[in-house]
PDB file of N, CA and C in Angstrom:
ATOM      1  N   UNK A   1      46.190  -2.299 -40.766  1.00  0.00           N
ATOM      2  CA  UNK A   1      45.696  -1.509 -41.881  1.00  0.00           C
ATOM      3  C   UNK A   1      45.308  -2.441 -43.021  1.00  0.00           C
ATOM      4  N   UNK A   2      44.198  -2.107 -43.659  1.00  0.00           N
ATOM      5  CA  UNK A   2      43.678  -2.912 -44.752  1.00  0.00           C
ATOM      6  C   UNK A   2      43.564  -2.047 -45.993  1.00  0.00           C
ATOM      7  N   UNK A   3      44.137  -2.537 -47.089  1.00  0.00           N
ATOM      8  CA  UNK A   3      44.050  -1.825 -48.358  1.00  0.00           C
ATOM      9  C   UNK A   3      43.517  -2.778 -49.410  1.00  0.00           C
ATOM     10  N   UNK A   4      42.587  -2.280 -50.190  1.00  0.00           N
ATOM     11  CA  UNK A   4      42.010  -3.043 -51.284  1.00  0.00           C
ATOM     12  C   UNK A   4      42.436  -2.369 -52.581  1.00  0.00           C
ATOM     13  N   UNK A   5      43.079  -3.128 -53.458  1.00  0.00           N
ATOM     14  CA  UNK A   5      43.552  -2.623 -54.742  1.00  0.00           C
ATOM     15  C   UNK A   5      42.694  -3.200 -55.850  1.00  0.00           C
ATOM     16  N   UNK A   6      42.410  -2.363 -56.840  1.00  0.00           N
ATOM     17  CA  UNK A   6      41.664  -2.847 -57.985  1.00  0.00           C
ATOM     18  C   UNK A   6      41.141  -1.717 -58.829  1.00  0.00           C
ATOM     19  N   UNK A   7      40.076  -2.014 -59.562  1.00  0.00           N
ATOM     20  CA  UNK A   7      39.430  -1.059 -60.449  1.00  0.00           C
ATOM     21  C   UNK A   7      37.981  -0.944 -59.996  1.00  0.00           C
ATOM     22  N   UNK A   8      37.549   0.263 -59.727  1.00  0.00           N
ATOM     23  CA  UNK A   8      36.261   0.497 -59.077  1.00  0.00           C
ATOM     24  C   UNK A   8      35.070  -0.106 -59.811  1.00  0.00           C
ATOM     25  N   UNK A   9      35.053  -0.096 -61.120  1.00  0.00           N
ATOM     26  CA  UNK A   9      33.872  -0.556 -61.847  1.00  0.00           C
ATOM     27  C   UNK A   9      33.834  -2.058 -62.102  1.00  0.00           C
ATOM     28  N   UNK A  10      34.801  -2.782 -61.592  1.00  0.00           N
ATOM     29  CA  UNK A  10      34.843  -4.240 -61.741  1.00  0.00           C
ATOM     30  C   UNK A  10      33.789  -4.877 -60.824  1.00  0.00           C
ATOM     31  N   UNK A  11      33.011  -5.821 -61.357  1.00  0.00           N
ATOM     32  CA  UNK A  11      31.963  -6.459 -60.563  1.00  0.00           C
ATOM     33  C   UNK A  11      32.504  -7.181 -59.331  1.00  0.00           C
ATOM     34  N   UNK A  12      33.624  -7.850 -59.483  1.00  0.00           N
ATOM     35  CA  UNK A  12      34.210  -8.552 -58.343  1.00  0.00           C
ATOM     36  C   UNK A  12      34.681  -7.565 -57.282  1.00  0.00           C
ATOM     37  N   UNK A  13      35.198  -6.442 -57.731  1.00  0.00           N
ATOM     38  CA  UNK A  13      35.599  -5.389 -56.785  1.00  0.00           C
ATOM     39  C   UNK A  13      34.390  -4.894 -56.006  1.00  0.00           C
ATOM     40  N   UNK A  14      33.286  -4.680 -56.707  1.00  0.00           N
ATOM     41  CA  UNK A  14      32.069  -4.202 -56.053  1.00  0.00           C
ATOM     42  C   UNK A  14      31.617  -5.186 -54.982  1.00  0.00           C
ATOM     43  N   UNK A  15      31.701  -6.478 -55.258  1.00  0.00           N
ATOM     44  CA  UNK A  15      31.326  -7.492 -54.275  1.00  0.00           C
ATOM     45  C   UNK A  15      32.236  -7.436 -53.057  1.00  0.00           C
ATOM     46  N   UNK A  16      33.534  -7.306 -53.299  1.00  0.00           N
ATOM     47  CA  UNK A  16      34.493  -7.241 -52.185  1.00  0.00           C
ATOM     48  C   UNK A  16      34.267  -5.995 -51.339  1.00  0.00           C
ATOM     49  N   UNK A  17      34.077  -4.847 -51.987  1.00  0.00           N
ATOM     50  CA  UNK A  17      33.846  -3.602 -51.245  1.00  0.00           C
ATOM     51  C   UNK A  17      32.531  -3.669 -50.470  1.00  0.00           C
ATOM     52  N   UNK A  18      31.511  -4.259 -51.059  1.00  0.00           N
ATOM     53  CA  UNK A  18      30.229  -4.413 -50.372  1.00  0.00           C
ATOM     54  C   UNK A  18      30.393  -5.311 -49.147  1.00  0.00           C
ATOM     55  N   UNK A  19      31.139  -6.417 -49.308  1.00  0.00           N
ATOM     56  CA  UNK A  19      31.355  -7.328 -48.186  1.00  0.00           C
ATOM     57  C   UNK A  19      32.083  -6.609 -47.053  1.00  0.00           C
ATOM     58  N   UNK A  20      33.129  -5.884 -47.381  1.00  0.00           N
ATOM     59  CA  UNK A  20      33.881  -5.150 -46.358  1.00  0.00           C
ATOM     60  C   UNK A  20      33.001  -4.124 -45.655  1.00  0.00           C
ATOM     61  N   UNK A  21      32.221  -3.381 -46.407  1.00  0.00           N
ATOM     62  CA  UNK A  21      31.323  -2.376 -45.817  1.00  0.00           C
ATOM     63  C   UNK A  21      30.238  -3.022 -44.967  1.00  0.00           C
ATOM     64  N   UNK A  22      29.627  -4.088 -45.487  1.00  0.00           N
ATOM     65  CA  UNK A  22      28.575  -4.784 -44.738  1.00  0.00           C
ATOM     66  C   UNK A  22      29.083  -5.350 -43.426  1.00  0.00           C
ATOM     67  N   UNK A  23      30.379  -5.662 -43.367  1.00  0.00           N
ATOM     68  CA  UNK A  23      30.967  -6.239 -42.152  1.00  0.00           C
ATOM     69  C   UNK A  23      31.752  -5.206 -41.338  1.00  0.00           C
ATOM     70  N   UNK A  24      31.508  -3.938 -41.662  1.00  0.00           N
ATOM     71  CA  UNK A  24      32.117  -2.821 -40.915  1.00  0.00           C
ATOM     72  C   UNK A  24      33.634  -2.917 -40.828  1.00  0.00           C
ATOM     73  N   UNK A  25      34.255  -3.299 -41.935  1.00  0.00           N
ATOM     74  CA  UNK A  25      35.710  -3.380 -42.006  1.00  0.00           C
ATOM     75  C   UNK A  25      36.221  -2.078 -42.619  1.00  0.00           C
ATOM     76  N   UNK A  26      37.051  -1.357 -41.874  1.00  0.00           N
ATOM     77  CA  UNK A  26      37.665  -0.148 -42.398  1.00  0.00           C
ATOM     78  C   UNK A  26      38.768  -0.531 -43.377  1.00  0.00           C
ATOM     79  N   UNK A  27      38.769   0.104 -44.524  1.00  0.00           N
ATOM     80  CA  UNK A  27      39.800  -0.183 -45.521  1.00  0.00           C
ATOM     81  C   UNK A  27      40.043   1.056 -46.368  1.00  0.00           C
ATOM     82  N   UNK A  28      41.174   1.064 -46.998  1.00  0.00           N
ATOM     83  CA  UNK A  28      41.521   2.095 -47.969  1.00  0.00           C
ATOM     84  C   UNK A  28      41.428   1.449 -49.342  1.00  0.00           C
ATOM     85  N   UNK A  29      40.821   2.161 -50.284  1.00  0.00           N
ATOM     86  CA  UNK A  29      40.706   1.636 -51.636  1.00  0.00           C
ATOM     87  C   UNK A  29      41.677   2.367 -52.552  1.00  0.00           C
ATOM     88  N   UNK A  30      42.452   1.593 -53.303  1.00  0.00           N
ATOM     89  CA  UNK A  30      43.379   2.155 -54.276  1.00  0.00           C
ATOM     90  C   UNK A  30      42.942   1.687 -55.661  1.00  0.00           C
ATOM     91  N   UNK A  31      42.408   2.616 -56.434  1.00  0.00           N
ATOM     92  CA  UNK A  31      41.981   2.318 -57.801  1.00  0.00           C
ATOM     93  C   UNK A  31      43.195   2.484 -58.705  1.00  0.00           C
ATOM     94  N   UNK A  32      43.790   1.360 -59.101  1.00  0.00           N
ATOM     95  CA  UNK A  32      45.026   1.488 -59.863  1.00  0.00           C
ATOM     96  C   UNK A  32      44.817   1.890 -61.307  1.00  0.00           C
ATOM     97  N   UNK A  33      43.618   1.991 -61.752  1.00  0.00           N
ATOM     98  CA  UNK A  33      43.395   2.571 -63.074  1.00  0.00           C
ATOM     99  C   UNK A  33      43.415   4.095 -62.968  1.00  0.00           C
ATOM    100  N   UNK A  34      42.779   4.647 -61.931  1.00  0.00           N
ATOM    101  CA  UNK A  34      42.729   6.104 -61.760  1.00  0.00           C
ATOM    102  C   UNK A  34      43.987   6.643 -61.092  1.00  0.00           C
ATOM    103  N   UNK A  35      44.448   5.969 -60.044  1.00  0.00           N
ATOM    104  CA  UNK A  35      45.589   6.462 -59.267  1.00  0.00           C
ATOM    105  C   UNK A  35      46.921   5.956 -59.788  1.00  0.00           C
ATOM    106  N   UNK A  36      46.874   4.941 -60.636  1.00  0.00           N
ATOM    107  CA  UNK A  36      48.099   4.348 -61.149  1.00  0.00           C
ATOM    108  C   UNK A  36      48.762   3.454 -60.124  1.00  0.00           C
ATOM    109  N   UNK A  37      49.787   2.779 -60.569  1.00  0.00           N
ATOM    110  CA  UNK A  37      50.586   1.946 -59.670  1.00  0.00           C
ATOM    111  C   UNK A  37      52.051   2.199 -59.946  1.00  0.00           C
ATOM    112  N   UNK A  38      52.816   1.999 -58.947  1.00  0.00           N
ATOM    113  CA  UNK A  38      54.245   2.250 -58.980  1.00  0.00           C
ATOM    114  C   UNK A  38      54.973   0.981 -59.417  1.00  0.00           C
ATOM    115  N   UNK A  39      55.981   1.094 -60.285  1.00  0.00           N
ATOM    116  CA  UNK A  39      56.741  -0.093 -60.683  1.00  0.00           C
ATOM    117  C   UNK A  39      57.335  -0.838 -59.482  1.00  0.00           C
ATOM    118  N   UNK A  40      57.730  -0.109 -58.455  1.00  0.00           N
ATOM    119  CA  UNK A  40      58.283  -0.762 -57.253  1.00  0.00           C
ATOM    120  C   UNK A  40      57.236  -1.599 -56.543  1.00  0.00           C
ATOM    121  N   UNK A  41      55.985  -1.118 -56.535  1.00  0.00           N
ATOM    122  CA  UNK A  41      54.906  -1.879 -55.911  1.00  0.00           C
ATOM    123  C   UNK A  41      54.691  -3.189 -56.670  1.00  0.00           C
ATOM    124  N   UNK A  42      54.666  -3.109 -57.988  1.00  0.00           N
ATOM    125  CA  UNK A  42      54.497  -4.320 -58.800  1.00  0.00           C
ATOM    126  C   UNK A  42      55.657  -5.275 -58.547  1.00  0.00           C
ATOM    127  N   UNK A  43      56.871  -4.745 -58.527  1.00  0.00           N
ATOM    128  CA  UNK A  43      58.055  -5.577 -58.292  1.00  0.00           C
ATOM    129  C   UNK A  43      57.966  -6.271 -56.930  1.00  0.00           C
ATOM    130  N   UNK A  44      57.561  -5.522 -55.911  1.00  0.00           N
ATOM    131  CA  UNK A  44      57.423  -6.108 -54.572  1.00  0.00           C
ATOM    132  C   UNK A  44      56.338  -7.186 -54.549  1.00  0.00           C
ATOM    133  N   UNK A  45      55.210  -6.901 -55.209  1.00  0.00           N
ATOM    134  CA  UNK A  45      54.128  -7.891 -55.252  1.00  0.00           C
ATOM    135  C   UNK A  45      54.588  -9.176 -55.932  1.00  0.00           C
ATOM    136  N   UNK A  46      55.382  -9.035 -56.977  1.00  0.00           N
ATOM    137  CA  UNK A  46      55.850 -10.221 -57.696  1.00  0.00           C
ATOM    138  C   UNK A  46      56.893 -11.019 -56.908  1.00  0.00           C
ATOM    139  N   UNK A  47      57.412 -10.454 -55.821  1.00  0.00           N
ATOM    140  CA  UNK A  47      58.269 -11.246 -54.931  1.00  0.00           C
ATOM    141  C   UNK A  47      57.424 -12.068 -53.964  1.00  0.00           C
ATOM    142  N   UNK A  48      56.150 -11.696 -53.823  1.00  0.00           N
ATOM    143  CA  UNK A  48      55.258 -12.363 -52.868  1.00  0.00           C
ATOM    144  C   UNK A  48      54.204 -13.232 -53.530  1.00  0.00           C
ATOM    145  N   UNK A  49      53.894 -12.924 -54.790  1.00  0.00           N
ATOM    146  CA  UNK A  49      52.842 -13.627 -55.521  1.00  0.00           C
ATOM    147  C   UNK A  49      53.402 -14.051 -56.868  1.00  0.00           C
ATOM    148  N   UNK A  50      53.175 -15.284 -57.240  1.00  0.00           N
ATOM    149  CA  UNK A  50      53.673 -15.764 -58.533  1.00  0.00           C
ATOM    150  C   UNK A  50      52.995 -15.014 -59.672  1.00  0.00           C
ATOM    151  N   UNK A  51      53.753 -14.761 -60.705  1.00  0.00           N
ATOM    152  CA  UNK A  51      53.272 -13.969 -61.837  1.00  0.00           C
ATOM    153  C   UNK A  51      52.010 -14.569 -62.456  1.00  0.00           C
ATOM    154  N   UNK A  52      51.932 -15.900 -62.529  1.00  0.00           N
ATOM    155  CA  UNK A  52      50.760 -16.545 -63.123  1.00  0.00           C
ATOM    156  C   UNK A  52      49.500 -16.323 -62.294  1.00  0.00           C
ATOM    157  N   UNK A  53      49.665 -16.066 -61.012  1.00  0.00           N
ATOM    158  CA  UNK A  53      48.533 -15.775 -60.138  1.00  0.00           C
ATOM    159  C   UNK A  53      48.204 -14.282 -60.176  1.00  0.00           C
ATOM    160  N   UNK A  54      49.220 -13.460 -60.297  1.00  0.00           N
ATOM    161  CA  UNK A  54      49.076 -11.999 -60.244  1.00  0.00           C
ATOM    162  C   UNK A  54      48.412 -11.425 -61.484  1.00  0.00           C
ATOM    163  N   UNK A  55      48.647 -12.036 -62.623  1.00  0.00           N
ATOM    164  CA  UNK A  55      48.098 -11.529 -63.888  1.00  0.00           C
ATOM    165  C   UNK A  55      46.726 -12.137 -64.139  1.00  0.00           C
ATOM    166  N   UNK A  56      45.798 -11.274 -64.520  1.00  0.00           N
ATOM    167  CA  UNK A  56      44.444 -11.701 -64.842  1.00  0.00           C
ATOM    168  C   UNK A  56      44.416 -12.166 -66.297  1.00  0.00           C
ATOM    169  N   UNK A  57      44.613 -13.448 -66.501  1.00  0.00           N
ATOM    170  CA  UNK A  57      44.679 -13.987 -67.855  1.00  0.00           C
ATOM    171  C   UNK A  57      43.310 -14.149 -68.501  1.00  0.00           C
ATOM    172  N   UNK A  58      42.246 -13.995 -67.723  1.00  0.00           N
ATOM    173  CA  UNK A  58      40.898 -14.088 -68.267  1.00  0.00           C
ATOM    174  C   UNK A  58      40.427 -12.771 -68.862  1.00  0.00           C
ATOM    175  N   UNK A  59      41.085 -11.696 -68.494  1.00  0.00           N
ATOM    176  CA  UNK A  59      40.649 -10.365 -68.906  1.00  0.00           C
ATOM    177  C   UNK A  59      40.950 -10.057 -70.364  1.00  0.00           C
ATOM    178  N   UNK A  60      40.184  -9.121 -70.885  1.00  0.00           N
ATOM    179  CA  UNK A  60      40.325  -8.697 -72.275  1.00  0.00           C
ATOM    180  C   UNK A  60      41.712  -8.137 -72.561  1.00  0.00           C
ATOM    181  N   UNK A  61      42.237  -7.350 -71.626  1.00  0.00           N
ATOM    182  CA  UNK A  61      43.539  -6.707 -71.858  1.00  0.00           C
ATOM    183  C   UNK A  61      44.619  -7.757 -72.101  1.00  0.00           C
ATOM    184  N   UNK A  62      44.651  -8.805 -71.283  1.00  0.00           N
ATOM    185  CA  UNK A  62      45.652  -9.859 -71.463  1.00  0.00           C
ATOM    186  C   UNK A  62      45.395 -10.633 -72.754  1.00  0.00           C
ATOM    187  N   UNK A  63      44.161 -10.967 -73.001  1.00  0.00           N
ATOM    188  CA  UNK A  63      43.836 -11.773 -74.185  1.00  0.00           C
ATOM    189  C   UNK A  63      44.181 -11.050 -75.475  1.00  0.00           C
ATOM    190  N   UNK A  64      44.184  -9.716 -75.448  1.00  0.00           N
ATOM    191  CA  UNK A  64      44.482  -8.949 -76.657  1.00  0.00           C
ATOM    192  C   UNK A  64      45.976  -8.751 -76.896  1.00  0.00           C
ATOM    193  N   UNK A  65      46.813  -9.190 -75.965  1.00  0.00           N
ATOM    194  CA  UNK A  65      48.264  -9.074 -76.167  1.00  0.00           C
ATOM    195  C   UNK A  65      48.707  -9.958 -77.324  1.00  0.00           C
ATOM    196  N   UNK A  66      49.739  -9.535 -78.013  1.00  0.00           N
ATOM    197  CA  UNK A  66      50.325 -10.368 -79.058  1.00  0.00           C
ATOM    198  C   UNK A  66      50.839 -11.665 -78.444  1.00  0.00           C
ATOM    199  N   UNK A  67      50.767 -12.729 -79.210  1.00  0.00           N
ATOM    200  CA  UNK A  67      51.225 -14.039 -78.744  1.00  0.00           C
ATOM    201  C   UNK A  67      52.698 -13.986 -78.340  1.00  0.00           C
ATOM    202  N   UNK A  68      53.500 -13.204 -79.061  1.00  0.00           N
ATOM    203  CA  UNK A  68      54.927 -13.078 -78.740  1.00  0.00           C
ATOM    204  C   UNK A  68      55.130 -12.445 -77.367  1.00  0.00           C
ATOM    205  N   UNK A  69      54.331 -11.442 -77.053  1.00  0.00           N
ATOM    206  CA  UNK A  69      54.438 -10.775 -75.749  1.00  0.00           C
ATOM    207  C   UNK A  69      54.054 -11.752 -74.645  1.00  0.00           C
ATOM    208  N   UNK A  70      52.976 -12.491 -74.848  1.00  0.00           N
ATOM    209  CA  UNK A  70      52.537 -13.480 -73.852  1.00  0.00           C
ATOM    210  C   UNK A  70      53.614 -14.537 -73.643  1.00  0.00           C
ATOM    211  N   UNK A  71      54.219 -15.004 -74.731  1.00  0.00           N
ATOM    212  CA  UNK A  71      55.224 -16.058 -74.636  1.00  0.00           C
ATOM    213  C   UNK A  71      56.477 -15.603 -73.899  1.00  0.00           C
ATOM    214  N   UNK A  72      56.821 -14.337 -74.021  1.00  0.00           N
ATOM    215  CA  UNK A  72      58.046 -13.807 -73.405  1.00  0.00           C
ATOM    216  C   UNK A  72      57.797 -13.193 -72.024  1.00  0.00           C
ATOM    217  N   UNK A  73      56.570 -13.282 -71.527  1.00  0.00           N
ATOM    218  CA  UNK A  73      56.215 -12.643 -70.275  1.00  0.00           C
ATOM    219  C   UNK A  73      56.918 -13.303 -69.093  1.00  0.00           C
ATOM    220  N   UNK A  74      57.657 -12.489 -68.368  1.00  0.00           N
ATOM    221  CA  UNK A  74      58.299 -12.939 -67.134  1.00  0.00           C
ATOM    222  C   UNK A  74      58.215 -11.786 -66.136  1.00  0.00           C
ATOM    223  N   UNK A  75      58.793 -11.968 -64.956  1.00  0.00           N
ATOM    224  CA  UNK A  75      58.677 -10.931 -63.929  1.00  0.00           C
ATOM    225  C   UNK A  75      59.244  -9.594 -64.388  1.00  0.00           C
ATOM    226  N   UNK A  76      60.367  -9.613 -65.087  1.00  0.00           N
ATOM    227  CA  UNK A  76      60.975  -8.353 -65.549  1.00  0.00           C
ATOM    228  C   UNK A  76      60.152  -7.674 -66.634  1.00  0.00           C
ATOM    229  N   UNK A  77      59.720  -8.438 -67.623  1.00  0.00           N
ATOM    230  CA  UNK A  77      58.971  -7.832 -68.722  1.00  0.00           C
ATOM    231  C   UNK A  77      57.557  -7.452 -68.301  1.00  0.00           C
ATOM    232  N   UNK A  78      57.042  -8.086 -67.270  1.00  0.00           N
ATOM    233  CA  UNK A  78      55.682  -7.807 -66.812  1.00  0.00           C
ATOM    234  C   UNK A  78      55.559  -6.459 -66.111  1.00  0.00           C
ATOM    235  N   UNK A  79      56.602  -6.015 -65.435  1.00  0.00           N
ATOM    236  CA  UNK A  79      56.499  -4.798 -64.626  1.00  0.00           C
ATOM    237  C   UNK A  79      56.051  -3.589 -65.446  1.00  0.00           C
ATOM    238  N   UNK A  80      56.762  -3.208 -66.525  1.00  0.00           N
ATOM    239  CA  UNK A  80      56.291  -2.035 -67.280  1.00  0.00           C
ATOM    240  C   UNK A  80      54.933  -2.265 -67.943  1.00  0.00           C
ATOM    241  N   UNK A  81      54.663  -3.490 -68.336  1.00  0.00           N
ATOM    242  CA  UNK A  81      53.392  -3.813 -68.961  1.00  0.00           C
ATOM    243  C   UNK A  81      52.236  -3.640 -67.973  1.00  0.00           C
ATOM    244  N   UNK A  82      52.426  -4.109 -66.739  1.00  0.00           N
ATOM    245  CA  UNK A  82      51.381  -3.998 -65.717  1.00  0.00           C
ATOM    246  C   UNK A  82      51.192  -2.565 -65.243  1.00  0.00           C
ATOM    247  N   UNK A  83      52.275  -1.796 -65.205  1.00  0.00           N
ATOM    248  CA  UNK A  83      52.155  -0.377 -64.845  1.00  0.00           C
ATOM    249  C   UNK A  83      51.357   0.363 -65.917  1.00  0.00           C
ATOM    250  N   UNK A  84      51.622   0.048 -67.176  1.00  0.00           N
ATOM    251  CA  UNK A  84      50.920   0.695 -68.285  1.00  0.00           C
ATOM    252  C   UNK A  84      49.486   0.187 -68.437  1.00  0.00           C
ATOM    253  N   UNK A  85      49.255  -1.073 -68.107  1.00  0.00           N
ATOM    254  CA  UNK A  85      47.947  -1.708 -68.282  1.00  0.00           C
ATOM    255  C   UNK A  85      47.502  -2.370 -66.972  1.00  0.00           C
ATOM    256  N   UNK A  86      47.182  -1.598 -65.947  1.00  0.00           N
ATOM    257  CA  UNK A  86      46.852  -2.203 -64.650  1.00  0.00           C
ATOM    258  C   UNK A  86      45.610  -3.084 -64.671  1.00  0.00           C
ATOM    259  N   UNK A  87      44.796  -2.998 -65.709  1.00  0.00           N
ATOM    260  CA  UNK A  87      43.635  -3.883 -65.806  1.00  0.00           C
ATOM    261  C   UNK A  87      44.064  -5.343 -65.942  1.00  0.00           C
ATOM    262  N   UNK A  88      45.325  -5.578 -66.261  1.00  0.00           N
ATOM    263  CA  UNK A  88      45.830  -6.955 -66.376  1.00  0.00           C
ATOM    264  C   UNK A  88      46.148  -7.575 -65.021  1.00  0.00           C
ATOM    265  N   UNK A  89      46.059  -6.794 -63.962  1.00  0.00           N
ATOM    266  CA  UNK A  89      46.339  -7.323 -62.625  1.00  0.00           C
ATOM    267  C   UNK A  89      45.062  -7.930 -62.067  1.00  0.00           C
ATOM    268  N   UNK A  90      45.186  -9.123 -61.527  1.00  0.00           N
ATOM    269  CA  UNK A  90      44.042  -9.785 -60.918  1.00  0.00           C
ATOM    270  C   UNK A  90      43.492  -8.898 -59.821  1.00  0.00           C
ATOM    271  N   UNK A  91      42.201  -8.926 -59.658  1.00  0.00           N
ATOM    272  CA  UNK A  91      41.576  -8.094 -58.642  1.00  0.00           C
ATOM    273  C   UNK A  91      40.407  -8.817 -57.998  1.00  0.00           C
ATOM    274  N   UNK A  92      40.092  -8.395 -56.819  1.00  0.00           N
ATOM    275  CA  UNK A  92      40.786  -7.431 -55.982  1.00  0.00           C
ATOM    276  C   UNK A  92      42.040  -8.025 -55.362  1.00  0.00           C
ATOM    277  N   UNK A  93      42.907  -7.134 -54.926  1.00  0.00           N
ATOM    278  CA  UNK A  93      44.049  -7.522 -54.106  1.00  0.00           C
ATOM    279  C   UNK A  93      43.797  -6.905 -52.741  1.00  0.00           C
ATOM    280  N   UNK A  94      43.707  -7.749 -51.752  1.00  0.00           N
ATOM    281  CA  UNK A  94      43.487  -7.308 -50.381  1.00  0.00           C
ATOM    282  C   UNK A  94      44.790  -7.494 -49.613  1.00  0.00           C
ATOM    283  N   UNK A  95      45.272  -6.416 -49.039  1.00  0.00           N
ATOM    284  CA  UNK A  95      46.449  -6.503 -48.179  1.00  0.00           C
ATOM    285  C   UNK A  95      45.992  -6.138 -46.776  1.00  0.00           C
ATOM    286  N   UNK A  96      46.153  -7.099 -45.873  1.00  0.00           N
ATOM    287  CA  UNK A  96      45.710  -6.929 -44.490  1.00  0.00           C
ATOM    288  C   UNK A  96      46.771  -7.517 -43.568  1.00  0.00           C
ATOM    289  N   UNK A  97      47.307  -6.669 -42.702  1.00  0.00           N
ATOM    290  CA  UNK A  97      48.347  -7.123 -41.757  1.00  0.00           C
ATOM    291  C   UNK A  97      49.464  -7.882 -42.470  1.00  0.00           C
ATOM    292  N   UNK A  98      49.936  -7.348 -43.553  1.00  0.00           N
ATOM    293  CA  UNK A  98      51.033  -7.910 -44.332  1.00  0.00           C
ATOM    294  C   UNK A  98      50.708  -9.227 -45.033  1.00  0.00           C
ATOM    295  N   UNK A  99      49.447  -9.646 -45.005  1.00  0.00           N
ATOM    296  CA  UNK A  99      49.079 -10.821 -45.793  1.00  0.00           C
ATOM    297  C   UNK A  99      48.373 -10.345 -47.060  1.00  0.00           C
ATOM    298  N   UNK A 100      48.467 -11.144 -48.108  1.00  0.00           N
ATOM    299  CA  UNK A 100      47.916 -10.768 -49.414  1.00  0.00           C
ATOM    300  C   UNK A 100      46.896 -11.815 -49.837  1.00  0.00           C
ATOM    301  N   UNK A 101      45.738 -11.339 -50.275  1.00  0.00           N
ATOM    302  CA  UNK A 101      44.692 -12.208 -50.792  1.00  0.00           C
ATOM    303  C   UNK A 101      44.285 -11.693 -52.162  1.00  0.00           C
ATOM    304  N   UNK A 102      44.376 -12.531 -53.181  1.00  0.00           N
ATOM    305  CA  UNK A 102      43.949 -12.145 -54.527  1.00  0.00           C
ATOM    306  C   UNK A 102      42.597 -12.770 -54.818  1.00  0.00           C
ATOM    307  N   UNK A 103      41.744 -11.998 -55.472  1.00  0.00           N
ATOM    308  CA  UNK A 103      40.403 -12.468 -55.775  1.00  0.00           C
ATOM    309  C   UNK A 103      39.484 -12.257 -54.582  1.00  0.00           C
ATOM    310  N   UNK A 104      38.211 -12.548 -54.766  1.00  0.00           N
ATOM    311  CA  UNK A 104      37.249 -12.380 -53.681  1.00  0.00           C
ATOM    312  C   UNK A 104      36.417 -13.631 -53.517  1.00  0.00           C
ATOM    313  N   UNK A 105      36.441 -14.158 -52.308  1.00  0.00           N
ATOM    314  CA  UNK A 105      35.560 -15.240 -51.889  1.00  0.00           C
ATOM    315  C   UNK A 105      35.099 -14.879 -50.484  1.00  0.00           C
ATOM    316  N   UNK A 106      33.781 -14.761 -50.285  1.00  0.00           N
ATOM    317  CA  UNK A 106      33.278 -14.344 -48.973  1.00  0.00           C
ATOM    318  C   UNK A 106      33.817 -15.194 -47.826  1.00  0.00           C
ATOM    319  N   UNK A 107      33.929 -16.497 -48.049  1.00  0.00           N
ATOM    320  CA  UNK A 107      34.401 -17.372 -46.966  1.00  0.00           C
ATOM    321  C   UNK A 107      35.858 -17.093 -46.597  1.00  0.00           C
ATOM    322  N   UNK A 108      36.659 -16.713 -47.584  1.00  0.00           N
ATOM    323  CA  UNK A 108      38.058 -16.373 -47.301  1.00  0.00           C
ATOM    324  C   UNK A 108      38.126 -15.055 -46.531  1.00  0.00           C
ATOM    325  N   UNK A 109      37.360 -14.064 -46.973  1.00  0.00           N
ATOM    326  CA  UNK A 109      37.327 -12.794 -46.253  1.00  0.00           C
ATOM    327  C   UNK A 109      36.843 -13.004 -44.819  1.00  0.00           C
ATOM    328  N   UNK A 110      35.835 -13.877 -44.642  1.00  0.00           N
ATOM    329  CA  UNK A 110      35.332 -14.181 -43.288  1.00  0.00           C
ATOM    330  C   UNK A 110      36.438 -14.765 -42.419  1.00  0.00           C
ATOM    331  N   UNK A 111      37.245 -15.650 -43.001  1.00  0.00           N
ATOM    332  CA  UNK A 111      38.334 -16.261 -42.213  1.00  0.00           C
ATOM    333  C   UNK A 111      39.400 -15.246 -41.841  1.00  0.00           C
ATOM    334  N   UNK A 112      39.550 -14.210 -42.646  1.00  0.00           N
ATOM    335  CA  UNK A 112      40.544 -13.168 -42.373  1.00  0.00           C
ATOM    336  C   UNK A 112      40.041 -12.214 -41.295  1.00  0.00           C
ATOM    337  N   UNK A 113      38.787 -11.801 -41.393  1.00  0.00           N
ATOM    338  CA  UNK A 113      38.286 -10.715 -40.557  1.00  0.00           C
ATOM    339  C   UNK A 113      37.365 -11.127 -39.416  1.00  0.00           C
ATOM    340  N   UNK A 114      36.652 -12.230 -39.549  1.00  0.00           N
ATOM    341  CA  UNK A 114      35.634 -12.542 -38.542  1.00  0.00           C
ATOM    342  C   UNK A 114      36.037 -13.677 -37.634  1.00  0.00           C
TER     343      UNK A 114
END
């Protein structure tokens, strides 16, 4: 089973979804802005992916955080923040056969599926 997590209107998400469709890869899309995310899911992801990789530090949502919040950010404090502001999660997140891939690079997707 393949699940793609992200926000539908993100350009990188559109590229990933287009690549999957063009290569006839069946997947489920979870828009965590519309559908939300569960704190347990975030907690589980942070056991598999380092927080510095999981958080989209280039995004506007992260950049607008107070400096104090950024300085104190750790796995525990990040969970409620990421649930409330899922745009801060790097995207796309591809989960395929229990492996996790963050971001989109066609060559990486090719190595996974083709």
